[in-house]
Protein backbone atom coordinates (compact mmCIF):
# COMPACT_ATOMS: atom_id res chain seq x y z
CA MET A 1 -11.51 -11.83 21.61
CA THR A 2 -9.25 -9.68 19.45
CA ILE A 3 -9.73 -6.01 18.63
CA LYS A 4 -10.74 -7.05 15.12
CA ASP A 5 -13.37 -9.39 16.61
CA ILE A 6 -14.71 -6.60 18.82
CA ILE A 7 -14.96 -4.18 15.90
CA LYS A 8 -16.71 -6.79 13.77
CA SER A 9 -19.10 -7.70 16.60
CA LEU A 10 -20.09 -4.05 17.02
CA GLY A 11 -20.95 -3.72 13.33
CA GLY A 12 -17.69 -2.72 11.70
CA PRO A 13 -15.72 0.51 11.35
CA ALA A 14 -18.38 2.53 9.53
CA LEU A 15 -21.14 1.78 12.03
CA ILE A 16 -18.94 2.33 15.07
CA ALA A 17 -17.52 5.56 13.66
CA GLY A 18 -21.00 6.89 12.94
CA ARG A 19 -22.19 6.08 16.44
CA ILE A 20 -19.26 7.68 18.26
CA GLY A 21 -18.57 10.56 15.86
CA ILE A 22 -15.17 9.75 14.38
CA ARG A 23 -13.90 8.63 10.99
CA PRO A 24 -14.03 4.92 10.01
CA GLN A 25 -10.32 5.10 9.22
CA ALA A 26 -9.64 5.69 12.91
CA ILE A 27 -11.48 2.47 13.78
CA SER A 28 -9.52 0.57 11.14
CA LEU A 29 -6.32 1.91 12.66
CA TRP A 30 -7.32 0.42 16.01
CA ALA A 31 -7.45 -2.99 14.37
CA ILE A 32 -4.06 -2.47 12.74
CA LYS A 33 -2.48 -1.32 16.01
CA ASP A 34 -4.46 -3.94 17.97
CA ARG A 35 -5.38 -1.31 20.54
CA ILE A 36 -8.48 0.73 21.29
CA PRO A 37 -7.78 4.17 22.80
CA ALA A 38 -8.74 4.10 26.47
CA GLN A 39 -10.95 7.18 26.15
CA ARG A 40 -13.13 5.35 23.57
CA VAL A 41 -13.65 2.20 25.63
CA PRO A 42 -16.57 3.52 27.74
CA GLN A 43 -18.41 4.58 24.55
CA LEU A 44 -17.85 1.17 22.99
CA GLU A 45 -18.92 -0.62 26.16
CA ARG A 46 -22.19 1.35 26.18
CA MET A 47 -22.66 0.61 22.49
CA ALA A 48 -22.09 -3.10 23.10
CA LYS A 49 -24.66 -3.05 25.90
CA GLU A 50 -27.21 -1.32 23.64
CA LEU A 51 -26.60 -3.96 20.96
CA GLY A 52 -26.91 -6.79 23.47
CA LYS A 53 -23.28 -7.83 23.00
CA PRO A 54 -21.38 -9.16 26.04
CA ILE A 55 -18.27 -7.04 25.46
CA ARG A 56 -16.69 -5.42 28.50
CA ALA A 57 -13.99 -2.80 28.92
CA GLU A 58 -11.72 -5.48 30.37
CA GLN A 59 -11.77 -7.29 27.02
CA MET A 60 -11.00 -4.16 25.05
CA ARG A 61 -8.18 -2.92 27.28
CA PRO A 62 -7.08 -5.57 29.79
CA ASP A 63 -4.11 -3.38 30.75
CA ILE A 64 -6.39 -0.94 32.62
CA ASP A 65 -7.96 -1.66 36.01
CA TRP A 66 -11.54 -0.84 35.07
CA GLY A 67 -12.82 -2.03 38.45
CA VAL A 68 -11.06 0.87 40.16
CA LEU A 69 -12.47 3.34 37.66
CA ARG A 70 -15.96 1.91 38.04
CA SER A 71 -15.77 2.23 41.83
CA LEU A 72 -14.93 5.93 41.45
CA ARG A 73 -18.03 6.40 39.32
CA ASP A 74 -20.39 4.92 41.93
């Protein structure tokens, strides 16, 4: 799943931006750069869960070991 696919699956730049409190242009820039900022991933993962979408942090940023971060949270 690409970053563009993730953004589309979550409702597009305007909807995502409204839900997380940033400008839609920022979301569009993620698609252009093909990278979601790490600090936004937890918000998007929660949003995906609320929408019933099976999108995990590992899909958004596979370069980060989310398992380690999750274990610190527990």
